Amino acid sequence: MPPTVQLYSLSTCSHCKATKKFLSDCVVRYEFTDVDLLQGEERKAILEEVKKFNPRCSFPTVIIGDKVIVGYKEEEIKEALGLK
């Protein structure tokens, strides 16, 4: 069974868009949250969640199974997905 993929991103971020496109091109099922489109308590809660994985709270933050990848890093993403 493929690992769970969660992406925390910003709707305006070019690296986030590239990451979404890359995951889609790899035909990987993933869930994403555009943090900048959230408001109030929901946004605060998601930012706390992101900080658990990535204390700098930068985007994109990709969680694949138990591996955390910060930034658009195709090779690391492929490796974590077992696509190498």
PDB file of N, CA and C in Angstrom:
ATOM      1  N   MET A   1       0.846  -1.185   0.000  1.00  0.00           N
ATOM      2  CA  MET A   1       0.000   0.000   0.000  1.00  0.00           C
ATOM      3  C   MET A   1       0.893   1.251   0.000  1.00  0.00           C
ATOM      4  N   PRO A   2       0.583   2.229  -0.875  1.00  0.00           N
ATOM      5  CA  PRO A   2       1.436   3.417  -0.936  1.00  0.00           C
ATOM      6  C   PRO A   2       1.314   4.253   0.339  1.00  0.00           C
ATOM      7  N   PRO A   3       2.381   4.981   0.670  1.00  0.00           N
ATOM      8  CA  PRO A   3       2.328   5.803   1.892  1.00  0.00           C
ATOM      9  C   PRO A   3       1.332   6.948   1.743  1.00  0.00           C
ATOM     10  N   THR A   4       0.845   7.439   2.867  1.00  0.00           N
ATOM     11  CA  THR A   4      -0.033   8.599   2.872  1.00  0.00           C
ATOM     12  C   THR A   4       0.791   9.829   2.537  1.00  0.00           C
ATOM     13  N   VAL A   5       0.251  10.699   1.687  1.00  0.00           N
ATOM     14  CA  VAL A   5       0.963  11.913   1.302  1.00  0.00           C
ATOM     15  C   VAL A   5       0.114  13.124   1.676  1.00  0.00           C
ATOM     16  N   GLN A   6       0.681  13.993   2.502  1.00  0.00           N
ATOM     17  CA  GLN A   6       0.009  15.232   2.915  1.00  0.00           C
ATOM     18  C   GLN A   6       0.923  16.396   2.544  1.00  0.00           C
ATOM     19  N   LEU A   7       0.350  17.386   1.899  1.00  0.00           N
ATOM     20  CA  LEU A   7       1.116  18.550   1.467  1.00  0.00           C
ATOM     21  C   LEU A   7       0.521  19.801   2.109  1.00  0.00           C
ATOM     22  N   TYR A   8       1.363  20.555   2.788  1.00  0.00           N
ATOM     23  CA  TYR A   8       0.965  21.857   3.316  1.00  0.00           C
ATOM     24  C   TYR A   8       1.590  22.893   2.403  1.00  0.00           C
ATOM     25  N   SER A   9       0.754  23.768   1.838  1.00  0.00           N
ATOM     26  CA  SER A   9       1.242  24.687   0.815  1.00  0.00           C
ATOM     27  C   SER A   9       0.592  26.053   0.941  1.00  0.00           C
ATOM     28  N   LEU A  10       1.051  26.961   0.092  1.00  0.00           N
ATOM     29  CA  LEU A  10       0.439  28.281  -0.054  1.00  0.00           C
ATOM     30  C   LEU A  10      -0.080  28.367  -1.485  1.00  0.00           C
ATOM     31  N   SER A  11      -1.260  28.924  -1.664  1.00  0.00           N
ATOM     32  CA  SER A  11      -1.875  28.956  -3.001  1.00  0.00           C
ATOM     33  C   SER A  11      -1.079  29.802  -3.994  1.00  0.00           C
ATOM     34  N   THR A  12      -0.272  30.739  -3.497  1.00  0.00           N
ATOM     35  CA  THR A  12       0.465  31.656  -4.368  1.00  0.00           C
ATOM     36  C   THR A  12       1.923  31.262  -4.590  1.00  0.00           C
ATOM     37  N   CYS A  13       2.358  30.161  -3.982  1.00  0.00           N
ATOM     38  CA  CYS A  13       3.774  29.777  -3.977  1.00  0.00           C
ATOM     39  C   CYS A  13       4.120  28.929  -5.207  1.00  0.00           C
ATOM     40  N   SER A  14       5.110  29.370  -5.984  1.00  0.00           N
ATOM     41  CA  SER A  14       5.482  28.631  -7.202  1.00  0.00           C
ATOM     42  C   SER A  14       6.066  27.256  -6.874  1.00  0.00           C
ATOM     43  N   HIS A  15       6.819  27.140  -5.776  1.00  0.00           N
ATOM     44  CA  HIS A  15       7.379  25.840  -5.390  1.00  0.00           C
ATOM     45  C   HIS A  15       6.262  24.886  -4.962  1.00  0.00           C
ATOM     46  N   CYS A  16       5.238  25.434  -4.315  1.00  0.00           N
ATOM     47  CA  CYS A  16       4.092  24.609  -3.894  1.00  0.00           C
ATOM     48  C   CYS A  16       3.348  24.105  -5.121  1.00  0.00           C
ATOM     49  N   LYS A  17       3.143  24.986  -6.100  1.00  0.00           N
ATOM     50  CA  LYS A  17       2.446  24.597  -7.342  1.00  0.00           C
ATOM     51  C   LYS A  17       3.241  23.516  -8.070  1.00  0.00           C
ATOM     52  N   ALA A  18       4.563  23.681  -8.108  1.00  0.00           N
ATOM     53  CA  ALA A  18       5.422  22.697  -8.769  1.00  0.00           C
ATOM     54  C   ALA A  18       5.333  21.344  -8.059  1.00  0.00           C
ATOM     55  N   THR A  19       5.270  21.373  -6.731  1.00  0.00           N
ATOM     56  CA  THR A  19       5.164  20.130  -5.958  1.00  0.00           C
ATOM     57  C   THR A  19       3.843  19.428  -6.255  1.00  0.00           C
ATOM     58  N   LYS A  20       2.741  20.176  -6.288  1.00  0.00           N
ATOM     59  CA  LYS A  20       1.422  19.597  -6.604  1.00  0.00           C
ATOM     60  C   LYS A  20       1.447  18.974  -7.997  1.00  0.00           C
ATOM     61  N   LYS A  21       2.027  19.703  -8.968  1.00  0.00           N
ATOM     62  CA  LYS A  21       2.093  19.196 -10.342  1.00  0.00           C
ATOM     63  C   LYS A  21       2.931  17.917 -10.389  1.00  0.00           C
ATOM     64  N   PHE A  22       4.061  17.932  -9.701  1.00  0.00           N
ATOM     65  CA  PHE A  22       4.940  16.758  -9.689  1.00  0.00           C
ATOM     66  C   PHE A  22       4.216  15.542  -9.107  1.00  0.00           C
ATOM     67  N   LEU A  23       3.523  15.724  -7.975  1.00  0.00           N
ATOM     68  CA  LEU A  23       2.788  14.612  -7.361  1.00  0.00           C
ATOM     69  C   LEU A  23       1.688  14.122  -8.291  1.00  0.00           C
ATOM     70  N   SER A  24       0.996  15.037  -8.951  1.00  0.00           N
ATOM     71  CA  SER A  24      -0.057  14.650  -9.900  1.00  0.00           C
ATOM     72  C   SER A  24       0.534  13.899 -11.084  1.00  0.00           C
ATOM     73  N   ASP A  25       1.686  14.394 -11.596  1.00  0.00           N
ATOM     74  CA  ASP A  25       2.356  13.733 -12.727  1.00  0.00           C
ATOM     75  C   ASP A  25       2.813  12.322 -12.354  1.00  0.00           C
ATOM     76  N   CYS A  26       3.135  12.108 -11.076  1.00  0.00           N
ATOM     77  CA  CYS A  26       3.553  10.783 -10.606  1.00  0.00           C
ATOM     78  C   CYS A  26       2.335   9.898 -10.320  1.00  0.00           C
ATOM     79  N   VAL A  27       1.167  10.426 -10.564  1.00  0.00           N
ATOM     80  CA  VAL A  27      -0.104   9.745 -10.295  1.00  0.00           C
ATOM     81  C   VAL A  27      -0.159   9.264  -8.841  1.00  0.00           C
ATOM     82  N   VAL A  28       0.171  10.183  -7.956  1.00  0.00           N
ATOM     83  CA  VAL A  28       0.170   9.900  -6.524  1.00  0.00           C
ATOM     84  C   VAL A  28      -1.066  10.550  -5.925  1.00  0.00           C
ATOM     85  N   ARG A  29      -1.783   9.789  -5.119  1.00  0.00           N
ATOM     86  CA  ARG A  29      -2.908  10.383  -4.399  1.00  0.00           C
ATOM     87  C   ARG A  29      -2.348  11.150  -3.225  1.00  0.00           C
ATOM     88  N   TYR A  30      -2.746  12.401  -3.112  1.00  0.00           N
ATOM     89  CA  TYR A  30      -2.261  13.211  -2.005  1.00  0.00           C
ATOM     90  C   TYR A  30      -3.348  14.178  -1.570  1.00  0.00           C
ATOM     91  N   GLU A  31      -3.236  14.595  -0.329  1.00  0.00           N
ATOM     92  CA  GLU A  31      -4.127  15.626   0.179  1.00  0.00           C
ATOM     93  C   GLU A  31      -3.289  16.865   0.390  1.00  0.00           C
ATOM     94  N   PHE A  32      -3.889  18.023   0.120  1.00  0.00           N
ATOM     95  CA  PHE A  32      -3.131  19.249   0.359  1.00  0.00           C
ATOM     96  C   PHE A  32      -4.001  20.268   1.068  1.00  0.00           C
ATOM     97  N   THR A  33      -3.335  21.151   1.780  1.00  0.00           N
ATOM     98  CA  THR A  33      -3.990  22.255   2.464  1.00  0.00           C
ATOM     99  C   THR A  33      -3.268  23.530   2.066  1.00  0.00           C
ATOM    100  N   ASP A  34      -3.994  24.441   1.416  1.00  0.00           N
ATOM    101  CA  ASP A  34      -3.436  25.758   1.117  1.00  0.00           C
ATOM    102  C   ASP A  34      -3.648  26.619   2.361  1.00  0.00           C
ATOM    103  N   VAL A  35      -2.611  26.713   3.159  1.00  0.00           N
ATOM    104  CA  VAL A  35      -2.693  27.340   4.478  1.00  0.00           C
ATOM    105  C   VAL A  35      -3.127  28.803   4.390  1.00  0.00           C
ATOM    106  N   ASP A  36      -2.673  29.511   3.345  1.00  0.00           N
ATOM    107  CA  ASP A  36      -3.017  30.938   3.241  1.00  0.00           C
ATOM    108  C   ASP A  36      -4.498  31.187   2.963  1.00  0.00           C
ATOM    109  N   LEU A  37      -5.235  30.153   2.548  1.00  0.00           N
ATOM    110  CA  LEU A  37      -6.661  30.323   2.276  1.00  0.00           C
ATOM    111  C   LEU A  37      -7.527  30.048   3.507  1.00  0.00           C
ATOM    112  N   LEU A  38      -6.896  29.562   4.577  1.00  0.00           N
ATOM    113  CA  LEU A  38      -7.631  29.300   5.818  1.00  0.00           C
ATOM    114  C   LEU A  38      -7.707  30.588   6.636  1.00  0.00           C
ATOM    115  N   GLN A  39      -8.656  30.594   7.580  1.00  0.00           N
ATOM    116  CA  GLN A  39      -8.789  31.781   8.426  1.00  0.00           C
ATOM    117  C   GLN A  39      -8.957  31.383   9.881  1.00  0.00           C
ATOM    118  N   GLY A  40      -8.672  32.320  10.743  1.00  0.00           N
ATOM    119  CA  GLY A  40      -8.970  32.186  12.163  1.00  0.00           C
ATOM    120  C   GLY A  40      -8.383  30.960  12.823  1.00  0.00           C
ATOM    121  N   GLU A  41      -9.215  30.288  13.610  1.00  0.00           N
ATOM    122  CA  GLU A  41      -8.781  29.136  14.410  1.00  0.00           C
ATOM    123  C   GLU A  41      -8.281  27.993  13.534  1.00  0.00           C
ATOM    124  N   GLU A  42      -8.956  27.774  12.418  1.00  0.00           N
ATOM    125  CA  GLU A  42      -8.561  26.683  11.510  1.00  0.00           C
ATOM    126  C   GLU A  42      -7.128  26.911  11.020  1.00  0.00           C
ATOM    127  N   ARG A  43      -6.843  28.147  10.628  1.00  0.00           N
ATOM    128  CA  ARG A  43      -5.494  28.481  10.146  1.00  0.00           C
ATOM    129  C   ARG A  43      -4.464  28.299  11.262  1.00  0.00           C
ATOM    130  N   LYS A  44      -4.802  28.774  12.460  1.00  0.00           N
ATOM    131  CA  LYS A  44      -3.896  28.658  13.602  1.00  0.00           C
ATOM    132  C   LYS A  44      -3.596  27.183  13.905  1.00  0.00           C
ATOM    133  N   ALA A  45      -4.636  26.359  13.878  1.00  0.00           N
ATOM    134  CA  ALA A  45      -4.470  24.931  14.178  1.00  0.00           C
ATOM    135  C   ALA A  45      -3.577  24.253  13.136  1.00  0.00           C
ATOM    136  N   ILE A  46      -3.771  24.580  11.871  1.00  0.00           N
ATOM    137  CA  ILE A  46      -2.962  23.972  10.802  1.00  0.00           C
ATOM    138  C   ILE A  46      -1.505  24.434  10.922  1.00  0.00           C
ATOM    139  N   LEU A  47      -1.289  25.702  11.238  1.00  0.00           N
ATOM    140  CA  LEU A  47       0.094  26.186  11.396  1.00  0.00           C
ATOM    141  C   LEU A  47       0.793  25.469  12.544  1.00  0.00           C
ATOM    142  N   GLU A  48       0.056  25.192  13.622  1.00  0.00           N
ATOM    143  CA  GLU A  48       0.635  24.417  14.736  1.00  0.00           C
ATOM    144  C   GLU A  48       1.003  23.017  14.257  1.00  0.00           C
ATOM    145  N   GLU A  49       0.147  22.429  13.444  1.00  0.00           N
ATOM    146  CA  GLU A  49       0.378  21.096  12.870  1.00  0.00           C
ATOM    147  C   GLU A  49       1.653  21.113  12.020  1.00  0.00           C
ATOM    148  N   VAL A  50       1.780  22.110  11.138  1.00  0.00           N
ATOM    149  CA  VAL A  50       2.956  22.227  10.264  1.00  0.00           C
ATOM    150  C   VAL A  50       4.223  22.357  11.106  1.00  0.00           C
ATOM    151  N   LYS A  51       4.170  23.153  12.178  1.00  0.00           N
ATOM    152  CA  LYS A  51       5.351  23.372  13.027  1.00  0.00           C
ATOM    153  C   LYS A  51       5.852  22.083  13.674  1.00  0.00           C
ATOM    154  N   LYS A  52       4.957  21.116  13.896  1.00  0.00           N
ATOM    155  CA  LYS A  52       5.376  19.822  14.463  1.00  0.00           C
ATOM    156  C   LYS A  52       6.326  19.108  13.497  1.00  0.00           C
ATOM    157  N   PHE A  53       6.066  19.255  12.201  1.00  0.00           N
ATOM    158  CA  PHE A  53       6.879  18.596  11.174  1.00  0.00           C
ATOM    159  C   PHE A  53       8.034  19.471  10.723  1.00  0.00           C
ATOM    160  N   ASN A  54       7.795  20.784  10.695  1.00  0.00           N
ATOM    161  CA  ASN A  54       8.755  21.734  10.147  1.00  0.00           C
ATOM    162  C   ASN A  54       8.730  22.987  11.021  1.00  0.00           C
ATOM    163  N   PRO A  55       9.600  23.035  12.042  1.00  0.00           N
ATOM    164  CA  PRO A  55       9.594  24.156  12.996  1.00  0.00           C
ATOM    165  C   PRO A  55       9.723  25.537  12.346  1.00  0.00           C
ATOM    166  N   ARG A  56      10.353  25.620  11.170  1.00  0.00           N
ATOM    167  CA  ARG A  56      10.490  26.912  10.487  1.00  0.00           C
ATOM    168  C   ARG A  56       9.191  27.325   9.809  1.00  0.00           C
ATOM    169  N   CYS A  57       8.275  26.363   9.664  1.00  0.00           N
ATOM    170  CA  CYS A  57       6.960  26.636   9.100  1.00  0.00           C
ATOM    171  C   CYS A  57       7.072  27.256   7.702  1.00  0.00           C
ATOM    172  N   SER A  58       7.898  26.647   6.869  1.00  0.00           N
ATOM    173  CA  SER A  58       8.056  27.124   5.495  1.00  0.00           C
ATOM    174  C   SER A  58       7.319  26.163   4.560  1.00  0.00           C
ATOM    175  N   PHE A  59       7.117  26.616   3.328  1.00  0.00           N
ATOM    176  CA  PHE A  59       6.297  25.836   2.396  1.00  0.00           C
ATOM    177  C   PHE A  59       7.019  25.636   1.085  1.00  0.00           C
ATOM    178  N   PRO A  60       6.740  24.543   0.383  1.00  0.00           N
ATOM    179  CA  PRO A  60       5.846  23.459   0.789  1.00  0.00           C
ATOM    180  C   PRO A  60       6.479  22.552   1.852  1.00  0.00           C
ATOM    181  N   THR A  61       5.634  21.989   2.679  1.00  0.00           N
ATOM    182  CA  THR A  61       6.026  20.937   3.613  1.00  0.00           C
ATOM    183  C   THR A  61       5.268  19.689   3.181  1.00  0.00           C
ATOM    184  N   VAL A  62       6.012  18.652   2.809  1.00  0.00           N
ATOM    185  CA  VAL A  62       5.416  17.419   2.314  1.00  0.00           C
ATOM    186  C   VAL A  62       5.670  16.314   3.329  1.00  0.00           C
ATOM    187  N   ILE A  63       4.614  15.614   3.724  1.00  0.00           N
ATOM    188  CA  ILE A  63       4.765  14.481   4.632  1.00  0.00           C
ATOM    189  C   ILE A  63       4.382  13.227   3.851  1.00  0.00           C
ATOM    190  N   ILE A  64       5.355  12.332   3.717  1.00  0.00           N
ATOM    191  CA  ILE A  64       5.130  11.075   2.998  1.00  0.00           C
ATOM    192  C   ILE A  64       5.411   9.956   3.981  1.00  0.00           C
ATOM    193  N   GLY A  65       4.351   9.293   4.442  1.00  0.00           N
ATOM    194  CA  GLY A  65       4.515   8.289   5.487  1.00  0.00           C
ATOM    195  C   GLY A  65       5.063   8.977   6.720  1.00  0.00           C
ATOM    196  N   ASP A  66       6.283   8.583   7.156  1.00  0.00           N
ATOM    197  CA  ASP A  66       6.875   9.236   8.328  1.00  0.00           C
ATOM    198  C   ASP A  66       8.046  10.144   7.945  1.00  0.00           C
ATOM    199  N   LYS A  67       8.185  10.402   6.647  1.00  0.00           N
ATOM    200  CA  LYS A  67       9.276  11.266   6.158  1.00  0.00           C
ATOM    201  C   LYS A  67       8.741  12.671   5.879  1.00  0.00           C
ATOM    202  N   VAL A  68       9.502  13.676   6.301  1.00  0.00           N
ATOM    203  CA  VAL A  68       9.127  15.070   6.073  1.00  0.00           C
ATOM    204  C   VAL A  68      10.120  15.685   5.084  1.00  0.00           C
ATOM    205  N   ILE A  69       9.585  16.285   4.028  1.00  0.00           N
ATOM    206  CA  ILE A  69      10.421  16.948   3.027  1.00  0.00           C
ATOM    207  C   ILE A  69       9.973  18.409   2.974  1.00  0.00           C
ATOM    208  N   VAL A  70      10.922  19.316   3.181  1.00  0.00           N
ATOM    209  CA  VAL A  70      10.604  20.743   3.149  1.00  0.00           C
ATOM    210  C   VAL A  70      11.166  21.314   1.862  1.00  0.00           C
ATOM    211  N   GLY A  71      10.297  21.921   1.055  1.00  0.00           N
ATOM    212  CA  GLY A  71      10.721  22.485  -0.221  1.00  0.00           C
ATOM    213  C   GLY A  71      10.385  21.541  -1.365  1.00  0.00           C
ATOM    214  N   TYR A  72      10.620  22.031  -2.566  1.00  0.00           N
ATOM    215  CA  TYR A  72      10.343  21.248  -3.770  1.00  0.00           C
ATOM    216  C   TYR A  72      11.598  20.463  -4.131  1.00  0.00           C
ATOM    217  N   LYS A  73      11.622  19.205  -3.701  1.00  0.00           N
ATOM    218  CA  LYS A  73      12.804  18.369  -3.909  1.00  0.00           C
ATOM    219  C   LYS A  73      12.374  17.064  -4.580  1.00  0.00           C
ATOM    220  N   GLU A  74      12.347  17.099  -5.912  1.00  0.00           N
ATOM    221  CA  GLU A  74      11.851  15.958  -6.701  1.00  0.00           C
ATOM    222  C   GLU A  74      12.495  14.641  -6.311  1.00  0.00           C
ATOM    223  N   GLU A  75      13.818  14.636  -6.217  1.00  0.00           N
ATOM    224  CA  GLU A  75      14.514  13.374  -5.944  1.00  0.00           C
ATOM    225  C   GLU A  75      14.120  12.797  -4.584  1.00  0.00           C
ATOM    226  N   GLU A  76      14.057  13.660  -3.557  1.00  0.00           N
ATOM    227  CA  GLU A  76      13.668  13.189  -2.224  1.00  0.00           C
ATOM    228  C   GLU A  76      12.226  12.686  -2.217  1.00  0.00           C
ATOM    229  N   ILE A  77      11.365  13.394  -2.940  1.00  0.00           N
ATOM    230  CA  ILE A  77       9.948  12.978  -3.010  1.00  0.00           C
ATOM    231  C   ILE A  77       9.846  11.620  -3.680  1.00  0.00           C
ATOM    232  N   LYS A  78      10.542  11.458  -4.809  1.00  0.00           N
ATOM    233  CA  LYS A  78      10.537  10.164  -5.531  1.00  0.00           C
ATOM    234  C   LYS A  78      11.005   9.043  -4.641  1.00  0.00           C
ATOM    235  N   GLU A  79      12.105   9.297  -3.926  1.00  0.00           N
ATOM    236  CA  GLU A  79      12.678   8.294  -3.043  1.00  0.00           C
ATOM    237  C   GLU A  79      11.674   7.908  -1.947  1.00  0.00           C
ATOM    238  N   ALA A  80      11.058   8.912  -1.323  1.00  0.00           N
ATOM    239  CA  ALA A  80      10.099   8.652  -0.242  1.00  0.00           C
ATOM    240  C   ALA A  80       8.875   7.888  -0.756  1.00  0.00           C
ATOM    241  N   LEU A  81       8.527   8.102  -2.026  1.00  0.00           N
ATOM    242  CA  LEU A  81       7.387   7.408  -2.627  1.00  0.00           C
ATOM    243  C   LEU A  81       7.770   6.031  -3.149  1.00  0.00           C
ATOM    244  N   GLY A  82       9.076   5.739  -3.146  1.00  0.00           N
ATOM    245  CA  GLY A  82       9.545   4.457  -3.668  1.00  0.00           C
ATOM    246  C   GLY A  82       9.504   4.395  -5.182  1.00  0.00           C
ATOM    247  N   LEU A  83       9.708   5.539  -5.831  1.00  0.00           N
ATOM    248  CA  LEU A  83       9.640   5.616  -7.311  1.00  0.00           C
ATOM    249  C   LEU A  83      11.008   5.586  -7.966  1.00  0.00           C
ATOM    250  N   LYS A  84      12.070   5.332  -7.210  1.00  0.00           N
ATOM    251  CA  LYS A  84      13.418   5.351  -7.790  1.00  0.00           C
ATOM    252  C   LYS A  84      13.738   4.034  -8.434  1.00  0.00           C
TER     253      LYS A  84
END
